[in-house]
Amino acid sequence: MDPDKRRAYWRRNLRYLAILLSVWFAVSFGAGILFVDQLDQVRIAGFKLGFWFAQQGSIYVFVALIFIYVYLMNRLDKEFDVDDSDEHSDQADEPVDADKKATP
């Protein structure tokens, strides 16, 4: 991959990371700590929403963000032709013949 394409790939990867980590921060810190009083006015299954976000909601959001990141990175890898599809890994699947090994 040429340097300009590599730089564009990593720039987009870092943008994805910054956006997803910002969402995670906003949900875990914002909803669980900063806006807890406003969220506590709403109840889910008998629990106050602020408590729910602090205890479980931020974990659910984090797991969802992992799946979103995997999806985005797979799409990015295909766009920049660095994906791990079968047509790129034909040589890796072939067994190594002991007689064909290079000797020092």
PDB file of N, CA and C in Angstrom:
ATOM      1  N   MET A   1       0.860  -1.171   0.000  1.00  0.00           N
ATOM      2  CA  MET A   1       0.000   0.000   0.000  1.00  0.00           C
ATOM      3  C   MET A   1       0.905   1.233   0.000  1.00  0.00           C
ATOM      4  N   ASP A   2       0.575   2.190  -0.835  1.00  0.00           N
ATOM      5  CA  ASP A   2       1.406   3.392  -0.897  1.00  0.00           C
ATOM      6  C   ASP A   2       1.179   4.265   0.340  1.00  0.00           C
ATOM      7  N   PRO A   3       2.132   5.135   0.643  1.00  0.00           N
ATOM      8  CA  PRO A   3       2.059   5.930   1.889  1.00  0.00           C
ATOM      9  C   PRO A   3       0.814   6.813   1.999  1.00  0.00           C
ATOM     10  N   ASP A   4       0.358   7.404   0.894  1.00  0.00           N
ATOM     11  CA  ASP A   4      -0.835   8.253   0.960  1.00  0.00           C
ATOM     12  C   ASP A   4      -2.081   7.445   1.286  1.00  0.00           C
ATOM     13  N   LYS A   5      -2.181   6.264   0.687  1.00  0.00           N
ATOM     14  CA  LYS A   5      -3.320   5.396   0.959  1.00  0.00           C
ATOM     15  C   LYS A   5      -3.278   4.883   2.400  1.00  0.00           C
ATOM     16  N   ARG A   6      -2.082   4.560   2.874  1.00  0.00           N
ATOM     17  CA  ARG A   6      -1.919   4.095   4.249  1.00  0.00           C
ATOM     18  C   ARG A   6      -2.310   5.195   5.237  1.00  0.00           C
ATOM     19  N   ARG A   7      -1.896   6.428   4.947  1.00  0.00           N
ATOM     20  CA  ARG A   7      -2.226   7.555   5.814  1.00  0.00           C
ATOM     21  C   ARG A   7      -3.738   7.787   5.851  1.00  0.00           C
ATOM     22  N   ALA A   8      -4.393   7.680   4.693  1.00  0.00           N
ATOM     23  CA  ALA A   8      -5.843   7.858   4.630  1.00  0.00           C
ATOM     24  C   ALA A   8      -6.557   6.752   5.407  1.00  0.00           C
ATOM     25  N   TYR A   9      -6.041   5.530   5.299  1.00  0.00           N
ATOM     26  CA  TYR A   9      -6.633   4.396   6.033  1.00  0.00           C
ATOM     27  C   TYR A   9      -6.560   4.640   7.532  1.00  0.00           C
ATOM     28  N   TRP A  10      -5.386   5.015   8.033  1.00  0.00           N
ATOM     29  CA  TRP A  10      -5.229   5.227   9.475  1.00  0.00           C
ATOM     30  C   TRP A  10      -5.967   6.465   9.949  1.00  0.00           C
ATOM     31  N   ARG A  11      -6.058   7.479   9.118  1.00  0.00           N
ATOM     32  CA  ARG A  11      -6.815   8.675   9.493  1.00  0.00           C
ATOM     33  C   ARG A  11      -8.282   8.319   9.694  1.00  0.00           C
ATOM     34  N   ARG A  12      -8.837   7.523   8.782  1.00  0.00           N
ATOM     35  CA  ARG A  12     -10.238   7.117   8.918  1.00  0.00           C
ATOM     36  C   ARG A  12     -10.422   6.195  10.124  1.00  0.00           C
ATOM     37  N   ASN A  13      -9.460   5.296  10.354  1.00  0.00           N
ATOM     38  CA  ASN A  13      -9.517   4.410  11.523  1.00  0.00           C
ATOM     39  C   ASN A  13      -9.527   5.224  12.814  1.00  0.00           C
ATOM     40  N   LEU A  14      -8.664   6.215  12.904  1.00  0.00           N
ATOM     41  CA  LEU A  14      -8.610   7.060  14.101  1.00  0.00           C
ATOM     42  C   LEU A  14      -9.884   7.893  14.263  1.00  0.00           C
ATOM     43  N   ARG A  15     -10.484   8.304  13.141  1.00  0.00           N
ATOM     44  CA  ARG A  15     -11.752   9.036  13.217  1.00  0.00           C
ATOM     45  C   ARG A  15     -12.845   8.129  13.782  1.00  0.00           C
ATOM     46  N   TYR A  16     -12.892   6.880  13.300  1.00  0.00           N
ATOM     47  CA  TYR A  16     -13.864   5.929  13.849  1.00  0.00           C
ATOM     48  C   TYR A  16     -13.655   5.746  15.343  1.00  0.00           C
ATOM     49  N   LEU A  17     -12.412   5.562  15.746  1.00  0.00           N
ATOM     50  CA  LEU A  17     -12.114   5.371  17.169  1.00  0.00           C
ATOM     51  C   LEU A  17     -12.535   6.581  17.996  1.00  0.00           C
ATOM     52  N   ALA A  18     -12.226   7.773  17.526  1.00  0.00           N
ATOM     53  CA  ALA A  18     -12.574   8.986  18.268  1.00  0.00           C
ATOM     54  C   ALA A  18     -14.081   9.124  18.426  1.00  0.00           C
ATOM     55  N   ILE A  19     -14.826   8.850  17.360  1.00  0.00           N
ATOM     56  CA  ILE A  19     -16.289   8.971  17.428  1.00  0.00           C
ATOM     57  C   ILE A  19     -16.865   7.924  18.376  1.00  0.00           C
ATOM     58  N   LEU A  20     -16.428   6.677  18.245  1.00  0.00           N
ATOM     59  CA  LEU A  20     -16.990   5.610  19.080  1.00  0.00           C
ATOM     60  C   LEU A  20     -16.606   5.780  20.544  1.00  0.00           C
ATOM     61  N   LEU A  21     -15.383   6.200  20.814  1.00  0.00           N
ATOM     62  CA  LEU A  21     -14.987   6.432  22.202  1.00  0.00           C
ATOM     63  C   LEU A  21     -15.713   7.636  22.799  1.00  0.00           C
ATOM     64  N   SER A  22     -16.011   8.626  21.972  1.00  0.00           N
ATOM     65  CA  SER A  22     -16.792   9.772  22.452  1.00  0.00           C
ATOM     66  C   SER A  22     -18.210   9.353  22.826  1.00  0.00           C
ATOM     67  N   VAL A  23     -18.794   8.483  22.012  1.00  0.00           N
ATOM     68  CA  VAL A  23     -20.132   7.972  22.333  1.00  0.00           C
ATOM     69  C   VAL A  23     -20.083   7.200  23.644  1.00  0.00           C
ATOM     70  N   TRP A  24     -19.072   6.341  23.792  1.00  0.00           N
ATOM     71  CA  TRP A  24     -18.944   5.551  25.020  1.00  0.00           C
ATOM     72  C   TRP A  24     -18.766   6.465  26.232  1.00  0.00           C
ATOM     73  N   PHE A  25     -17.932   7.499  26.103  1.00  0.00           N
ATOM     74  CA  PHE A  25     -17.726   8.442  27.197  1.00  0.00           C
ATOM     75  C   PHE A  25     -19.025   9.159  27.540  1.00  0.00           C
ATOM     76  N   ALA A  26     -19.733   9.620  26.510  1.00  0.00           N
ATOM     77  CA  ALA A  26     -20.976  10.353  26.754  1.00  0.00           C
ATOM     78  C   ALA A  26     -22.001   9.480  27.472  1.00  0.00           C
ATOM     79  N   VAL A  27     -22.070   8.212  27.083  1.00  0.00           N
ATOM     80  CA  VAL A  27     -23.052   7.328  27.709  1.00  0.00           C
ATOM     81  C   VAL A  27     -22.621   6.954  29.123  1.00  0.00           C
ATOM     82  N   SER A  28     -21.362   6.532  29.282  1.00  0.00           N
ATOM     83  CA  SER A  28     -20.940   6.052  30.603  1.00  0.00           C
ATOM     84  C   SER A  28     -20.763   7.188  31.606  1.00  0.00           C
ATOM     85  N   PHE A  29     -20.112   8.269  31.221  1.00  0.00           N
ATOM     86  CA  PHE A  29     -19.872   9.372  32.146  1.00  0.00           C
ATOM     87  C   PHE A  29     -21.060  10.323  32.191  1.00  0.00           C
ATOM     88  N   GLY A  30     -21.556  10.678  31.003  1.00  0.00           N
ATOM     89  CA  GLY A  30     -22.648  11.638  30.950  1.00  0.00           C
ATOM     90  C   GLY A  30     -23.936  11.096  31.527  1.00  0.00           C
ATOM     91  N   ALA A  31     -24.385   9.945  31.011  1.00  0.00           N
ATOM     92  CA  ALA A  31     -25.655   9.394  31.470  1.00  0.00           C
ATOM     93  C   ALA A  31     -25.545   8.782  32.858  1.00  0.00           C
ATOM     94  N   GLY A  32     -24.391   8.233  33.206  1.00  0.00           N
ATOM     95  CA  GLY A  32     -24.247   7.574  34.496  1.00  0.00           C
ATOM     96  C   GLY A  32     -23.865   8.504  35.635  1.00  0.00           C
ATOM     97  N   ILE A  33     -23.319   9.696  35.323  1.00  0.00           N
ATOM     98  CA  ILE A  33     -22.851  10.585  36.387  1.00  0.00           C
ATOM     99  C   ILE A  33     -23.434  12.001  36.248  1.00  0.00           C
ATOM    100  N   LEU A  34     -23.223  12.637  35.106  1.00  0.00           N
ATOM    101  CA  LEU A  34     -23.610  14.043  34.948  1.00  0.00           C
ATOM    102  C   LEU A  34     -25.121  14.256  34.904  1.00  0.00           C
ATOM    103  N   PHE A  35     -25.826  13.430  34.152  1.00  0.00           N
ATOM    104  CA  PHE A  35     -27.260  13.630  33.962  1.00  0.00           C
ATOM    105  C   PHE A  35     -28.094  12.637  34.766  1.00  0.00           C
ATOM    106  N   VAL A  36     -27.520  12.093  35.818  1.00  0.00           N
ATOM    107  CA  VAL A  36     -28.208  11.058  36.589  1.00  0.00           C
ATOM    108  C   VAL A  36     -29.492  11.580  37.231  1.00  0.00           C
ATOM    109  N   ASP A  37     -29.502  12.800  37.694  1.00  0.00           N
ATOM    110  CA  ASP A  37     -30.706  13.338  38.355  1.00  0.00           C
ATOM    111  C   ASP A  37     -31.866  13.474  37.374  1.00  0.00           C
ATOM    112  N   GLN A  38     -31.568  13.948  36.162  1.00  0.00           N
ATOM    113  CA  GLN A  38     -32.622  14.078  35.154  1.00  0.00           C
ATOM    114  C   GLN A  38     -33.096  12.698  34.687  1.00  0.00           C
ATOM    115  N   LEU A  39     -32.150  11.766  34.509  1.00  0.00           N
ATOM    116  CA  LEU A  39     -32.510  10.425  34.039  1.00  0.00           C
ATOM    117  C   LEU A  39     -33.238   9.612  35.094  1.00  0.00           C
ATOM    118  N   ASP A  40     -33.005   9.915  36.374  1.00  0.00           N
ATOM    119  CA  ASP A  40     -33.659   9.165  37.442  1.00  0.00           C
ATOM    120  C   ASP A  40     -35.165   9.404  37.497  1.00  0.00           C
ATOM    121  N   GLN A  41     -35.652  10.387  36.774  1.00  0.00           N
ATOM    122  CA  GLN A  41     -37.091  10.632  36.737  1.00  0.00           C
ATOM    123  C   GLN A  41     -37.816   9.594  35.882  1.00  0.00           C
ATOM    124  N   VAL A  42     -37.053   8.856  35.063  1.00  0.00           N
ATOM    125  CA  VAL A  42     -37.607   7.798  34.211  1.00  0.00           C
ATOM    126  C   VAL A  42     -37.228   6.457  34.820  1.00  0.00           C
ATOM    127  N   ARG A  43     -38.164   5.502  34.799  1.00  0.00           N
ATOM    128  CA  ARG A  43     -37.886   4.177  35.354  1.00  0.00           C
ATOM    129  C   ARG A  43     -37.996   3.110  34.270  1.00  0.00           C
ATOM    130  N   ILE A  44     -37.084   2.130  34.327  1.00  0.00           N
ATOM    131  CA  ILE A  44     -37.115   0.965  33.443  1.00  0.00           C
ATOM    132  C   ILE A  44     -37.140  -0.263  34.329  1.00  0.00           C
ATOM    133  N   ALA A  45     -38.186  -1.055  34.214  1.00  0.00           N
ATOM    134  CA  ALA A  45     -38.359  -2.274  35.014  1.00  0.00           C
ATOM    135  C   ALA A  45     -38.198  -1.992  36.505  1.00  0.00           C
ATOM    136  N   GLY A  46     -38.667  -0.841  36.958  1.00  0.00           N
ATOM    137  CA  GLY A  46     -38.611  -0.502  38.368  1.00  0.00           C
ATOM    138  C   GLY A  46     -37.336   0.187  38.814  1.00  0.00           C
ATOM    139  N   PHE A  47     -36.340   0.251  37.941  1.00  0.00           N
ATOM    140  CA  PHE A  47     -35.074   0.892  38.290  1.00  0.00           C
ATOM    141  C   PHE A  47     -35.013   2.281  37.674  1.00  0.00           C
ATOM    142  N   LYS A  48     -34.381   3.197  38.382  1.00  0.00           N
ATOM    143  CA  LYS A  48     -34.194   4.541  37.846  1.00  0.00           C
ATOM    144  C   LYS A  48     -33.235   4.468  36.668  1.00  0.00           C
ATOM    145  N   LEU A  49     -33.528   5.250  35.624  1.00  0.00           N
ATOM    146  CA  LEU A  49     -32.750   5.195  34.391  1.00  0.00           C
ATOM    147  C   LEU A  49     -31.293   5.581  34.607  1.00  0.00           C
ATOM    148  N   GLY A  50     -31.015   6.555  35.468  1.00  0.00           N
ATOM    149  CA  GLY A  50     -29.628   6.936  35.754  1.00  0.00           C
ATOM    150  C   GLY A  50     -28.852   5.797  36.378  1.00  0.00           C
ATOM    151  N   PHE A  51     -29.475   5.103  37.311  1.00  0.00           N
ATOM    152  CA  PHE A  51     -28.851   3.934  37.935  1.00  0.00           C
ATOM    153  C   PHE A  51     -28.622   2.846  36.891  1.00  0.00           C
ATOM    154  N   TRP A  52     -29.629   2.626  36.032  1.00  0.00           N
ATOM    155  CA  TRP A  52     -29.516   1.589  35.007  1.00  0.00           C
ATOM    156  C   TRP A  52     -28.345   1.875  34.072  1.00  0.00           C
ATOM    157  N   PHE A  53     -28.195   3.137  33.608  1.00  0.00           N
ATOM    158  CA  PHE A  53     -27.082   3.486  32.730  1.00  0.00           C
ATOM    159  C   PHE A  53     -25.751   3.300  33.441  1.00  0.00           C
ATOM    160  N   ALA A  54     -25.673   3.679  34.690  1.00  0.00           N
ATOM    161  CA  ALA A  54     -24.412   3.555  35.424  1.00  0.00           C
ATOM    162  C   ALA A  54     -24.041   2.095  35.626  1.00  0.00           C
ATOM    163  N   GLN A  55     -25.009   1.218  35.826  1.00  0.00           N
ATOM    164  CA  GLN A  55     -24.718  -0.178  36.143  1.00  0.00           C
ATOM    165  C   GLN A  55     -24.681  -1.080  34.926  1.00  0.00           C
ATOM    166  N   GLN A  56     -25.602  -0.897  33.988  1.00  0.00           N
ATOM    167  CA  GLN A  56     -25.686  -1.846  32.888  1.00  0.00           C
ATOM    168  C   GLN A  56     -25.724  -1.192  31.519  1.00  0.00           C
ATOM    169  N   GLY A  57     -26.338  -0.057  31.419  1.00  0.00           N
ATOM    170  CA  GLY A  57     -26.508   0.579  30.113  1.00  0.00           C
ATOM    171  C   GLY A  57     -25.203   0.880  29.427  1.00  0.00           C
ATOM    172  N   SER A  58     -24.221   1.372  30.173  1.00  0.00           N
ATOM    173  CA  SER A  58     -22.940   1.696  29.551  1.00  0.00           C
ATOM    174  C   SER A  58     -22.216   0.445  29.071  1.00  0.00           C
ATOM    175  N   ILE A  59     -22.413  -0.685  29.751  1.00  0.00           N
ATOM    176  CA  ILE A  59     -21.800  -1.943  29.305  1.00  0.00           C
ATOM    177  C   ILE A  59     -22.451  -2.403  28.007  1.00  0.00           C
ATOM    178  N   TYR A  60     -23.785  -2.330  27.924  1.00  0.00           N
ATOM    179  CA  TYR A  60     -24.485  -2.711  26.697  1.00  0.00           C
ATOM    180  C   TYR A  60     -24.056  -1.831  25.528  1.00  0.00           C
ATOM    181  N   VAL A  61     -23.928  -0.541  25.788  1.00  0.00           N
ATOM    182  CA  VAL A  61     -23.493   0.377  24.737  1.00  0.00           C
ATOM    183  C   VAL A  61     -22.073   0.046  24.301  1.00  0.00           C
ATOM    184  N   PHE A  62     -21.189  -0.280  25.241  1.00  0.00           N
ATOM    185  CA  PHE A  62     -19.816  -0.634  24.906  1.00  0.00           C
ATOM    186  C   PHE A  62     -19.777  -1.874  24.022  1.00  0.00           C
ATOM    187  N   VAL A  63     -20.545  -2.888  24.345  1.00  0.00           N
ATOM    188  CA  VAL A  63     -20.573  -4.108  23.522  1.00  0.00           C
ATOM    189  C   VAL A  63     -21.126  -3.786  22.133  1.00  0.00           C
ATOM    190  N   ALA A  64     -22.163  -2.970  22.058  1.00  0.00           N
ATOM    191  CA  ALA A  64     -22.707  -2.570  20.757  1.00  0.00           C
ATOM    192  C   ALA A  64     -21.666  -1.802  19.951  1.00  0.00           C
ATOM    193  N   LEU A  65     -20.891  -0.945  20.615  1.00  0.00           N
ATOM    194  CA  LEU A  65     -19.846  -0.184  19.919  1.00  0.00           C
ATOM    195  C   LEU A  65     -18.748  -1.091  19.381  1.00  0.00           C
ATOM    196  N   ILE A  66     -18.463  -2.186  20.068  1.00  0.00           N
ATOM    197  CA  ILE A  66     -17.480  -3.152  19.557  1.00  0.00           C
ATOM    198  C   ILE A  66     -17.972  -3.738  18.234  1.00  0.00           C
ATOM    199  N   PHE A  67     -19.241  -4.134  18.174  1.00  0.00           N
ATOM    200  CA  PHE A  67     -19.784  -4.687  16.931  1.00  0.00           C
ATOM    201  C   PHE A  67     -19.825  -3.636  15.827  1.00  0.00           C
ATOM    202  N   ILE A  68     -20.145  -2.407  16.174  1.00  0.00           N
ATOM    203  CA  ILE A  68     -20.143  -1.322  15.189  1.00  0.00           C
ATOM    204  C   ILE A  68     -18.733  -1.104  14.659  1.00  0.00           C
ATOM    205  N   TYR A  69     -17.724  -1.129  15.543  1.00  0.00           N
ATOM    206  CA  TYR A  69     -16.337  -0.944  15.112  1.00  0.00           C
ATOM    207  C   TYR A  69     -15.901  -2.075  14.180  1.00  0.00           C
ATOM    208  N   VAL A  70     -16.266  -3.297  14.497  1.00  0.00           N
ATOM    209  CA  VAL A  70     -15.923  -4.430  13.626  1.00  0.00           C
ATOM    210  C   VAL A  70     -16.552  -4.237  12.246  1.00  0.00           C
ATOM    211  N   TYR A  71     -17.806  -3.846  12.211  1.00  0.00           N
ATOM    212  CA  TYR A  71     -18.478  -3.601  10.939  1.00  0.00           C
ATOM    213  C   TYR A  71     -17.779  -2.500  10.146  1.00  0.00           C
ATOM    214  N   LEU A  72     -17.487  -1.376  10.815  1.00  0.00           N
ATOM    215  CA  LEU A  72     -16.836  -0.256  10.128  1.00  0.00           C
ATOM    216  C   LEU A  72     -15.450  -0.627   9.616  1.00  0.00           C
ATOM    217  N   MET A  73     -14.692  -1.376  10.422  1.00  0.00           N
ATOM    218  CA  MET A  73     -13.336  -1.739  10.006  1.00  0.00           C
ATOM    219  C   MET A  73     -13.349  -2.767   8.875  1.00  0.00           C
ATOM    220  N   ASN A  74     -14.285  -3.689   8.877  1.00  0.00           N
ATOM    221  CA  ASN A  74     -14.396  -4.629   7.759  1.00  0.00           C
ATOM    222  C   ASN A  74     -14.713  -3.888   6.469  1.00  0.00           C
ATOM    223  N   ARG A  75     -15.615  -2.913   6.565  1.00  0.00           N
ATOM    224  CA  ARG A  75     -15.952  -2.103   5.389  1.00  0.00           C
ATOM    225  C   ARG A  75     -14.752  -1.274   4.934  1.00  0.00           C
ATOM    226  N   LEU A  76     -14.014  -0.718   5.887  1.00  0.00           N
ATOM    227  CA  LEU A  76     -12.833   0.075   5.550  1.00  0.00           C
ATOM    228  C   LEU A  76     -11.744  -0.801   4.932  1.00  0.00           C
ATOM    229  N   ASP A  77     -11.543  -1.985   5.488  1.00  0.00           N
ATOM    230  CA  ASP A  77     -10.549  -2.904   4.932  1.00  0.00           C
ATOM    231  C   ASP A  77     -10.863  -3.271   3.489  1.00  0.00           C
ATOM    232  N   LYS A  78     -12.134  -3.505   3.188  1.00  0.00           N
ATOM    233  CA  LYS A  78     -12.516  -3.826   1.807  1.00  0.00           C
ATOM    234  C   LYS A  78     -12.306  -2.627   0.899  1.00  0.00           C
ATOM    235  N   GLU A  79     -12.612  -1.446   1.406  1.00  0.00           N
ATOM    236  CA  GLU A  79     -12.430  -0.240   0.599  1.00  0.00           C
ATOM    237  C   GLU A  79     -10.967  -0.022   0.233  1.00  0.00           C
ATOM    238  N   PHE A  80     -10.063  -0.298   1.172  1.00  0.00           N
ATOM    239  CA  PHE A  80      -8.642  -0.097   0.930  1.00  0.00           C
ATOM    240  C   PHE A  80      -7.936  -1.379   0.502  1.00  0.00           C
ATOM    241  N   ASP A  81      -8.703  -2.427   0.234  1.00  0.00           N
ATOM    242  CA  ASP A  81      -8.186  -3.706  -0.259  1.00  0.00           C
ATOM    243  C   ASP A  81      -7.151  -4.326   0.677  1.00  0.00           C
ATOM    244  N   VAL A  82      -7.448  -4.313   1.966  1.00  0.00           N
ATOM    245  CA  VAL A  82      -6.585  -4.969   2.961  1.00  0.00           C
ATOM    246  C   VAL A  82      -7.395  -5.947   3.810  1.00  0.00           C
ATOM    247  N   ASP A  83      -8.509  -6.434   3.262  1.00  0.00           N
ATOM    248  CA  ASP A  83      -9.359  -7.350   4.017  1.00  0.00           C
ATOM    249  C   ASP A  83      -8.769  -8.754   4.038  1.00  0.00           C
ATOM    250  N   ASP A  84      -9.268  -9.575   4.939  1.00  0.00           N
ATOM    251  CA  ASP A  84      -8.782 -10.939   5.121  1.00  0.00           C
ATOM    252  C   ASP A  84      -9.669 -11.946   4.412  1.00  0.00           C
ATOM    253  N   SER A  85     -10.096 -11.622   3.222  1.00  0.00           N
ATOM    254  CA  SER A  85     -10.971 -12.543   2.500  1.00  0.00           C
ATOM    255  C   SER A  85     -10.167 -13.709   1.950  1.00  0.00           C
ATOM    256  N   ASP A  86     -10.871 -14.751   1.497  1.00  0.00           N
ATOM    257  CA  ASP A  86     -10.222 -15.980   1.043  1.00  0.00           C
ATOM    258  C   ASP A  86      -9.324 -15.778  -0.172  1.00  0.00           C
ATOM    259  N   GLU A  87      -9.659 -14.871  -1.066  1.00  0.00           N
ATOM    260  CA  GLU A  87      -8.830 -14.708  -2.255  1.00  0.00           C
ATOM    261  C   GLU A  87      -7.463 -14.110  -1.939  1.00  0.00           C
ATOM    262  N   HIS A  88      -7.315 -13.485  -0.770  1.00  0.00           N
ATOM    263  CA  HIS A  88      -6.024 -12.927  -0.383  1.00  0.00           C
ATOM    264  C   HIS A  88      -5.178 -13.898   0.428  1.00  0.00           C
ATOM    265  N   SER A  89      -5.776 -14.975   0.922  1.00  0.00           N
ATOM    266  CA  SER A  89      -5.044 -15.851   1.824  1.00  0.00           C
ATOM    267  C   SER A  89      -4.837 -17.245   1.256  1.00  0.00           C
ATOM    268  N   ASP A  90      -4.784 -17.389  -0.067  1.00  0.00           N
ATOM    269  CA  ASP A  90      -4.592 -18.703  -0.677  1.00  0.00           C
ATOM    270  C   ASP A  90      -3.262 -19.325  -0.287  1.00  0.00           C
ATOM    271  N   GLN A  91      -2.216 -18.536  -0.236  1.00  0.00           N
ATOM    272  CA  GLN A  91      -0.894 -19.073   0.071  1.00  0.00           C
ATOM    273  C   GLN A  91      -0.776 -19.472   1.530  1.00  0.00           C
ATOM    274  N   ALA A  92      -1.487 -18.818   2.412  1.00  0.00           N
ATOM    275  CA  ALA A  92      -1.380 -19.121   3.833  1.00  0.00           C
ATOM    276  C   ALA A  92      -2.001 -20.476   4.173  1.00  0.00           C
ATOM    277  N   ASP A  93      -2.955 -20.937   3.347  1.00  0.00           N
ATOM    278  CA  ASP A  93      -3.631 -22.186   3.631  1.00  0.00           C
ATOM    279  C   ASP A  93      -2.874 -23.412   3.122  1.00  0.00           C
ATOM    280  N   GLU A  94      -1.892 -23.219   2.254  1.00  0.00           N
ATOM    281  CA  GLU A  94      -1.160 -24.351   1.700  1.00  0.00           C
ATOM    282  C   GLU A  94      -0.183 -24.904   2.727  1.00  0.00           C
ATOM    283  N   PRO A  95      -0.108 -26.234   2.855  1.00  0.00           N
ATOM    284  CA  PRO A  95       0.852 -26.805   3.796  1.00  0.00           C
ATOM    285  C   PRO A  95       2.286 -26.613   3.289  1.00  0.00           C
ATOM    286  N   VAL A  96       3.184 -26.486   4.220  1.00  0.00           N
ATOM    287  CA  VAL A  96       4.591 -26.296   3.869  1.00  0.00           C
ATOM    288  C   VAL A  96       5.227 -27.668   3.725  1.00  0.00           C
ATOM    289  N   ASP A  97       5.874 -27.882   2.581  1.00  0.00           N
ATOM    290  CA  ASP A  97       6.556 -29.155   2.335  1.00  0.00           C
ATOM    291  C   ASP A  97       7.955 -29.061   2.932  1.00  0.00           C
ATOM    292  N   ALA A  98       8.320 -30.049   3.738  1.00  0.00           N
ATOM    293  CA  ALA A  98       9.619 -30.029   4.424  1.00  0.00           C
ATOM    294  C   ALA A  98      10.775 -30.055   3.437  1.00  0.00           C
ATOM    295  N   ASP A  99      10.594 -30.681   2.274  1.00  0.00           N
ATOM    296  CA  ASP A  99      11.672 -30.758   1.284  1.00  0.00           C
ATOM    297  C   ASP A  99      11.887 -29.422   0.568  1.00  0.00           C
ATOM    298  N   LYS A 100      10.892 -28.562   0.573  1.00  0.00           N
ATOM    299  CA  LYS A 100      10.997 -27.285  -0.132  1.00  0.00           C
ATOM    300  C   LYS A 100      11.457 -26.149   0.758  1.00  0.00           C
ATOM    301  N   LYS A 101      11.719 -26.404   2.018  1.00  0.00           N
ATOM    302  CA  LYS A 101      12.190 -25.362   2.912  1.00  0.00           C
ATOM    303  C   LYS A 101      13.559 -24.870   2.491  1.00  0.00           C
ATOM    304  N   ALA A 102      13.743 -23.601   2.622  1.00  0.00           N
ATOM    305  CA  ALA A 102      15.052 -23.015   2.286  1.00  0.00           C
ATOM    306  C   ALA A 102      16.040 -23.360   3.398  1.00  0.00           C
ATOM    307  N   THR A 103      17.233 -23.739   2.990  1.00  0.00           N
ATOM    308  CA  THR A 103      18.266 -24.035   3.988  1.00  0.00           C
ATOM    309  C   THR A 103      19.199 -22.862   4.100  1.00  0.00           C
ATOM    310  N   PRO A 104      19.707 -22.612   5.284  1.00  0.00           N
ATOM    311  CA  PRO A 104      20.590 -21.453   5.464  1.00  0.00           C
ATOM    312  C   PRO A 104      21.942 -21.625   4.829  1.00  0.00           C
TER     313      PRO A 104
END
